[in-house]
Amino acid sequence: MCRNITTLRGLEPPATDEEITAAALQFVRKVTGVTKVSDATREPVEQATQEIADIVTRLLDALPERRQPPKTVPPLRRAEVQERIAQRIKEREEHERMHEQGIAHSH
C-alpha cells in the first residue's frame, strides 16, 4: 500500500507543492484502499488529493515555526527516489516514442 506520510512542517527549504501533493495522494490512497488509479477512480482521487493538498498548504502556512527540523527527509528530496522517478519518465517517453513510430513492443 503506501509508506508512512513524511512530516512536511519545518523543512528547509519549505515543502514544495509537489511534496504536499504527494503526501495528499498517499493519504487518499491509504484511506480509500485505492493502490492504482483507474479510469473509474481517477476523478474522485484527483479531486480529493487536490482538496487535501490545499488544506495542508493552508495548515502549514498557519502553524508556527518548528524548533527542530523533521527527523526524516521527504521521499522527493532523496537521491534514490529522484533516480527512480527519472528512470520511469525515461521509460514512459521511450514507450510513447515506440507507439508514435509504430514499433512493436510489449506492455
N, C-alpha and C. Protein backbone atom coordinates (compact mmCIF):
# COMPACT_ATOMS: atom_id res chain seq x y z
N MET A 1 0.88 -1.18 0.00
CA MET A 1 0.00 0.00 0.00
C MET A 1 0.91 1.22 0.00
N CYS A 2 0.81 2.11 0.95
CA CYS A 2 1.67 3.29 0.97
C CYS A 2 2.55 3.28 2.20
N ARG A 3 3.63 3.96 2.07
CA ARG A 3 4.52 4.12 3.21
C ARG A 3 3.97 5.21 4.10
N ASN A 4 4.64 5.43 5.22
CA ASN A 4 4.24 6.50 6.13
C ASN A 4 4.34 7.84 5.43
N ILE A 5 3.45 8.72 5.78
CA ILE A 5 3.47 10.07 5.23
C ILE A 5 4.53 10.85 6.00
N THR A 6 5.41 11.51 5.29
CA THR A 6 6.53 12.24 5.89
C THR A 6 6.09 13.58 6.44
N THR A 7 6.69 13.99 7.55
CA THR A 7 6.43 15.30 8.13
C THR A 7 6.95 16.38 7.18
N LEU A 8 6.10 17.34 6.85
CA LEU A 8 6.47 18.41 5.93
C LEU A 8 6.71 19.74 6.64
N ARG A 9 6.19 19.88 7.84
CA ARG A 9 6.34 21.13 8.58
C ARG A 9 7.77 21.27 9.07
N GLY A 10 8.35 22.43 8.83
CA GLY A 10 9.68 22.73 9.34
C GLY A 10 10.82 22.38 8.40
N LEU A 11 10.50 21.99 7.18
CA LEU A 11 11.55 21.66 6.22
C LEU A 11 12.26 22.92 5.77
N GLU A 12 13.54 22.79 5.47
CA GLU A 12 14.32 23.87 4.88
C GLU A 12 14.96 23.35 3.62
N PRO A 13 14.64 23.87 2.47
CA PRO A 13 13.61 24.87 2.22
C PRO A 13 12.22 24.29 2.48
N PRO A 14 11.21 25.15 2.61
CA PRO A 14 9.86 24.68 2.92
C PRO A 14 9.34 23.66 1.90
N ALA A 15 8.36 22.89 2.34
CA ALA A 15 7.75 21.86 1.48
C ALA A 15 7.25 22.49 0.18
N THR A 16 7.51 21.79 -0.90
CA THR A 16 7.06 22.27 -2.22
C THR A 16 5.62 21.80 -2.46
N ASP A 17 4.99 22.39 -3.46
CA ASP A 17 3.64 21.95 -3.86
C ASP A 17 3.67 20.48 -4.25
N GLU A 18 4.73 20.06 -4.93
CA GLU A 18 4.85 18.66 -5.34
C GLU A 18 4.91 17.72 -4.14
N GLU A 19 5.66 18.10 -3.10
CA GLU A 19 5.76 17.28 -1.89
C GLU A 19 4.43 17.23 -1.15
N ILE A 20 3.74 18.35 -1.09
CA ILE A 20 2.44 18.39 -0.42
C ILE A 20 1.43 17.53 -1.17
N THR A 21 1.43 17.63 -2.49
CA THR A 21 0.50 16.82 -3.29
C THR A 21 0.82 15.34 -3.16
N ALA A 22 2.10 14.99 -3.13
CA ALA A 22 2.48 13.58 -2.96
C ALA A 22 1.99 13.04 -1.62
N ALA A 23 2.12 13.83 -0.56
CA ALA A 23 1.64 13.41 0.76
C ALA A 23 0.11 13.28 0.75
N ALA A 24 -0.57 14.21 0.08
CA ALA A 24 -2.03 14.15 0.00
C ALA A 24 -2.47 12.90 -0.76
N LEU A 25 -1.78 12.57 -1.84
CA LEU A 25 -2.12 11.37 -2.60
C LEU A 25 -1.88 10.12 -1.76
N GLN A 26 -0.80 10.08 -0.99
CA GLN A 26 -0.56 8.94 -0.10
C GLN A 26 -1.72 8.79 0.89
N PHE A 27 -2.16 9.90 1.45
CA PHE A 27 -3.28 9.87 2.39
C PHE A 27 -4.54 9.33 1.73
N VAL A 28 -4.85 9.84 0.54
CA VAL A 28 -6.05 9.39 -0.18
C VAL A 28 -5.96 7.89 -0.48
N ARG A 29 -4.82 7.44 -0.94
CA ARG A 29 -4.65 6.01 -1.23
C ARG A 29 -4.84 5.17 0.03
N LYS A 30 -4.28 5.64 1.13
CA LYS A 30 -4.35 4.87 2.38
C LYS A 30 -5.79 4.75 2.86
N VAL A 31 -6.52 5.86 2.92
CA VAL A 31 -7.87 5.82 3.48
C VAL A 31 -8.88 5.16 2.56
N THR A 32 -8.60 5.15 1.24
CA THR A 32 -9.55 4.55 0.31
C THR A 32 -9.20 3.11 -0.06
N GLY A 33 -7.94 2.75 0.12
CA GLY A 33 -7.51 1.43 -0.31
C GLY A 33 -7.24 1.36 -1.80
N VAL A 34 -7.29 2.49 -2.49
CA VAL A 34 -7.01 2.54 -3.92
C VAL A 34 -5.49 2.60 -4.09
N THR A 35 -4.92 1.51 -4.58
CA THR A 35 -3.47 1.47 -4.76
C THR A 35 -3.05 1.89 -6.16
N LYS A 36 -3.92 1.67 -7.12
CA LYS A 36 -3.65 2.04 -8.50
C LYS A 36 -4.87 2.77 -9.04
N VAL A 37 -4.67 3.98 -9.52
CA VAL A 37 -5.78 4.79 -10.03
C VAL A 37 -6.22 4.23 -11.38
N SER A 38 -7.53 4.02 -11.51
CA SER A 38 -8.10 3.53 -12.76
C SER A 38 -9.00 4.62 -13.35
N ASP A 39 -9.56 4.34 -14.50
CA ASP A 39 -10.49 5.31 -15.09
C ASP A 39 -11.68 5.56 -14.16
N ALA A 40 -12.11 4.53 -13.45
CA ALA A 40 -13.27 4.65 -12.56
C ALA A 40 -12.95 5.46 -11.30
N THR A 41 -11.69 5.46 -10.87
CA THR A 41 -11.34 6.15 -9.62
C THR A 41 -10.57 7.45 -9.83
N ARG A 42 -10.12 7.71 -11.06
CA ARG A 42 -9.24 8.85 -11.34
C ARG A 42 -9.83 10.19 -10.87
N GLU A 43 -11.02 10.52 -11.30
CA GLU A 43 -11.59 11.84 -10.98
C GLU A 43 -11.77 12.05 -9.48
N PRO A 44 -12.42 11.12 -8.75
CA PRO A 44 -12.57 11.36 -7.30
C PRO A 44 -11.24 11.37 -6.55
N VAL A 45 -10.29 10.54 -6.96
CA VAL A 45 -8.99 10.52 -6.29
C VAL A 45 -8.25 11.83 -6.55
N GLU A 46 -8.24 12.29 -7.79
CA GLU A 46 -7.56 13.55 -8.11
C GLU A 46 -8.20 14.73 -7.39
N GLN A 47 -9.54 14.75 -7.33
CA GLN A 47 -10.24 15.84 -6.66
C GLN A 47 -9.93 15.84 -5.17
N ALA A 48 -9.99 14.67 -4.54
CA ALA A 48 -9.70 14.57 -3.10
C ALA A 48 -8.25 14.95 -2.82
N THR A 49 -7.36 14.50 -3.67
CA THR A 49 -5.93 14.82 -3.49
C THR A 49 -5.71 16.32 -3.54
N GLN A 50 -6.33 16.99 -4.51
CA GLN A 50 -6.17 18.44 -4.62
C GLN A 50 -6.76 19.17 -3.43
N GLU A 51 -7.94 18.74 -2.98
CA GLU A 51 -8.57 19.38 -1.83
C GLU A 51 -7.72 19.22 -0.58
N ILE A 52 -7.19 18.02 -0.37
CA ILE A 52 -6.35 17.77 0.81
C ILE A 52 -5.05 18.56 0.70
N ALA A 53 -4.46 18.62 -0.48
CA ALA A 53 -3.23 19.40 -0.67
C ALA A 53 -3.48 20.87 -0.35
N ASP A 54 -4.63 21.40 -0.76
CA ASP A 54 -4.96 22.80 -0.47
C ASP A 54 -5.09 23.01 1.04
N ILE A 55 -5.75 22.08 1.72
CA ILE A 55 -5.92 22.17 3.17
C ILE A 55 -4.56 22.11 3.87
N VAL A 56 -3.72 21.18 3.45
CA VAL A 56 -2.39 21.04 4.06
C VAL A 56 -1.55 22.30 3.84
N THR A 57 -1.62 22.88 2.66
CA THR A 57 -0.89 24.11 2.38
C THR A 57 -1.31 25.22 3.33
N ARG A 58 -2.63 25.38 3.50
CA ARG A 58 -3.13 26.41 4.42
C ARG A 58 -2.70 26.11 5.85
N LEU A 59 -2.76 24.84 6.23
CA LEU A 59 -2.37 24.44 7.58
C LEU A 59 -0.90 24.73 7.84
N LEU A 60 -0.03 24.34 6.92
CA LEU A 60 1.40 24.59 7.10
C LEU A 60 1.70 26.09 7.18
N ASP A 61 0.98 26.88 6.40
CA ASP A 61 1.16 28.33 6.44
C ASP A 61 0.70 28.92 7.78
N ALA A 62 -0.31 28.33 8.40
CA ALA A 62 -0.89 28.87 9.63
C ALA A 62 -0.14 28.45 10.90
N LEU A 63 0.57 27.33 10.84
CA LEU A 63 1.26 26.84 12.03
C LEU A 63 2.53 27.64 12.31
N PRO A 64 2.91 27.74 13.60
CA PRO A 64 4.17 28.43 13.93
C PRO A 64 5.38 27.61 13.47
N GLU A 65 6.52 28.27 13.39
CA GLU A 65 7.76 27.60 13.01
C GLU A 65 8.09 26.49 13.99
N ARG A 66 8.73 25.43 13.50
CA ARG A 66 9.21 24.36 14.37
C ARG A 66 10.54 24.76 14.97
N ARG A 67 10.80 24.25 16.16
CA ARG A 67 12.10 24.50 16.79
C ARG A 67 13.18 23.61 16.19
N GLN A 68 12.79 22.40 15.80
CA GLN A 68 13.71 21.44 15.22
C GLN A 68 13.16 20.99 13.87
N PRO A 69 14.02 20.75 12.90
CA PRO A 69 13.52 20.22 11.62
C PRO A 69 13.04 18.79 11.80
N PRO A 70 12.21 18.28 10.90
CA PRO A 70 11.76 16.89 10.99
C PRO A 70 12.95 15.93 10.94
N LYS A 71 12.77 14.77 11.54
CA LYS A 71 13.85 13.77 11.60
C LYS A 71 14.03 13.03 10.29
N THR A 72 12.99 12.98 9.47
CA THR A 72 13.08 12.24 8.22
C THR A 72 13.08 13.19 7.03
N VAL A 73 13.72 12.76 5.97
CA VAL A 73 13.77 13.53 4.73
C VAL A 73 12.63 13.06 3.85
N PRO A 74 11.81 13.98 3.32
CA PRO A 74 10.72 13.57 2.43
C PRO A 74 11.24 12.79 1.24
N PRO A 75 10.49 11.81 0.77
CA PRO A 75 10.95 10.98 -0.35
C PRO A 75 11.40 11.76 -1.57
N LEU A 76 10.68 12.82 -1.93
CA LEU A 76 11.03 13.56 -3.14
C LEU A 76 12.36 14.31 -3.02
N ARG A 77 12.92 14.36 -1.81
CA ARG A 77 14.22 15.00 -1.61
C ARG A 77 15.36 13.98 -1.54
N ARG A 78 15.03 12.71 -1.68
CA ARG A 78 16.04 11.65 -1.61
C ARG A 78 16.56 11.34 -3.01
N ALA A 79 17.88 11.22 -3.12
CA ALA A 79 18.51 10.98 -4.43
C ALA A 79 18.00 9.71 -5.08
N GLU A 80 17.85 8.63 -4.31
CA GLU A 80 17.42 7.36 -4.91
C GLU A 80 16.00 7.45 -5.45
N VAL A 81 15.15 8.24 -4.82
CA VAL A 81 13.78 8.42 -5.31
C VAL A 81 13.81 9.24 -6.59
N GLN A 82 14.60 10.29 -6.62
CA GLN A 82 14.72 11.11 -7.82
C GLN A 82 15.24 10.28 -9.00
N GLU A 83 16.16 9.36 -8.72
CA GLU A 83 16.67 8.49 -9.77
C GLU A 83 15.58 7.57 -10.31
N ARG A 84 14.75 7.00 -9.41
CA ARG A 84 13.65 6.13 -9.84
C ARG A 84 12.64 6.91 -10.67
N ILE A 85 12.33 8.13 -10.25
CA ILE A 85 11.39 8.97 -10.99
C ILE A 85 11.94 9.26 -12.38
N ALA A 86 13.22 9.62 -12.46
CA ALA A 86 13.84 9.92 -13.75
C ALA A 86 13.82 8.69 -14.66
N GLN A 87 14.07 7.52 -14.09
CA GLN A 87 14.05 6.28 -14.88
C GLN A 87 12.64 6.00 -15.41
N ARG A 88 11.61 6.18 -14.56
CA ARG A 88 10.22 5.96 -15.01
C ARG A 88 9.86 6.92 -16.14
N ILE A 89 10.26 8.18 -16.01
CA ILE A 89 9.96 9.17 -17.05
C ILE A 89 10.64 8.76 -18.35
N LYS A 90 11.90 8.35 -18.26
CA LYS A 90 12.65 7.92 -19.44
C LYS A 90 11.96 6.73 -20.10
N GLU A 91 11.53 5.74 -19.30
CA GLU A 91 10.86 4.57 -19.85
C GLU A 91 9.52 4.94 -20.47
N ARG A 92 8.77 5.83 -19.84
CA ARG A 92 7.48 6.26 -20.38
C ARG A 92 7.66 6.98 -21.71
N GLU A 93 8.67 7.86 -21.78
CA GLU A 93 8.94 8.58 -23.03
C GLU A 93 9.34 7.62 -24.14
N GLU A 94 10.16 6.63 -23.80
CA GLU A 94 10.57 5.63 -24.79
C GLU A 94 9.36 4.84 -25.27
N HIS A 95 8.49 4.47 -24.35
CA HIS A 95 7.28 3.72 -24.70
C HIS A 95 6.39 4.54 -25.64
N GLU A 96 6.21 5.81 -25.32
CA GLU A 96 5.39 6.68 -26.17
C GLU A 96 6.03 6.86 -27.55
N ARG A 97 7.36 6.96 -27.59
CA ARG A 97 8.06 7.08 -28.87
C ARG A 97 7.82 5.85 -29.73
N MET A 98 7.84 4.67 -29.10
CA MET A 98 7.61 3.43 -29.84
C MET A 98 6.19 3.41 -30.42
N HIS A 99 5.21 3.89 -29.64
CA HIS A 99 3.83 3.98 -30.14
C HIS A 99 3.77 4.91 -31.34
N GLU A 100 4.37 6.08 -31.20
CA GLU A 100 4.33 7.08 -32.28
C GLU A 100 4.96 6.56 -33.57
N GLN A 101 6.02 5.76 -33.44
CA GLN A 101 6.72 5.25 -34.61
C GLN A 101 6.19 3.91 -35.08
N GLY A 102 5.18 3.38 -34.36
CA GLY A 102 4.59 2.11 -34.76
C GLY A 102 5.49 0.91 -34.54
N ILE A 103 6.41 1.02 -33.60
CA ILE A 103 7.34 -0.06 -33.30
C ILE A 103 6.65 -1.08 -32.40
N ALA A 104 6.73 -2.35 -32.77
CA ALA A 104 6.13 -3.41 -31.95
C ALA A 104 6.85 -3.50 -30.62
N HIS A 105 6.07 -3.66 -29.56
CA HIS A 105 6.63 -3.78 -28.21
C HIS A 105 5.60 -4.42 -27.30
N SER A 106 6.03 -4.78 -26.11
CA SER A 106 5.09 -5.40 -25.15
C SER A 106 4.66 -4.37 -24.12
N HIS A 107 3.53 -4.63 -23.49
CA HIS A 107 3.01 -3.77 -22.43
C HIS A 107 3.13 -4.45 -21.11
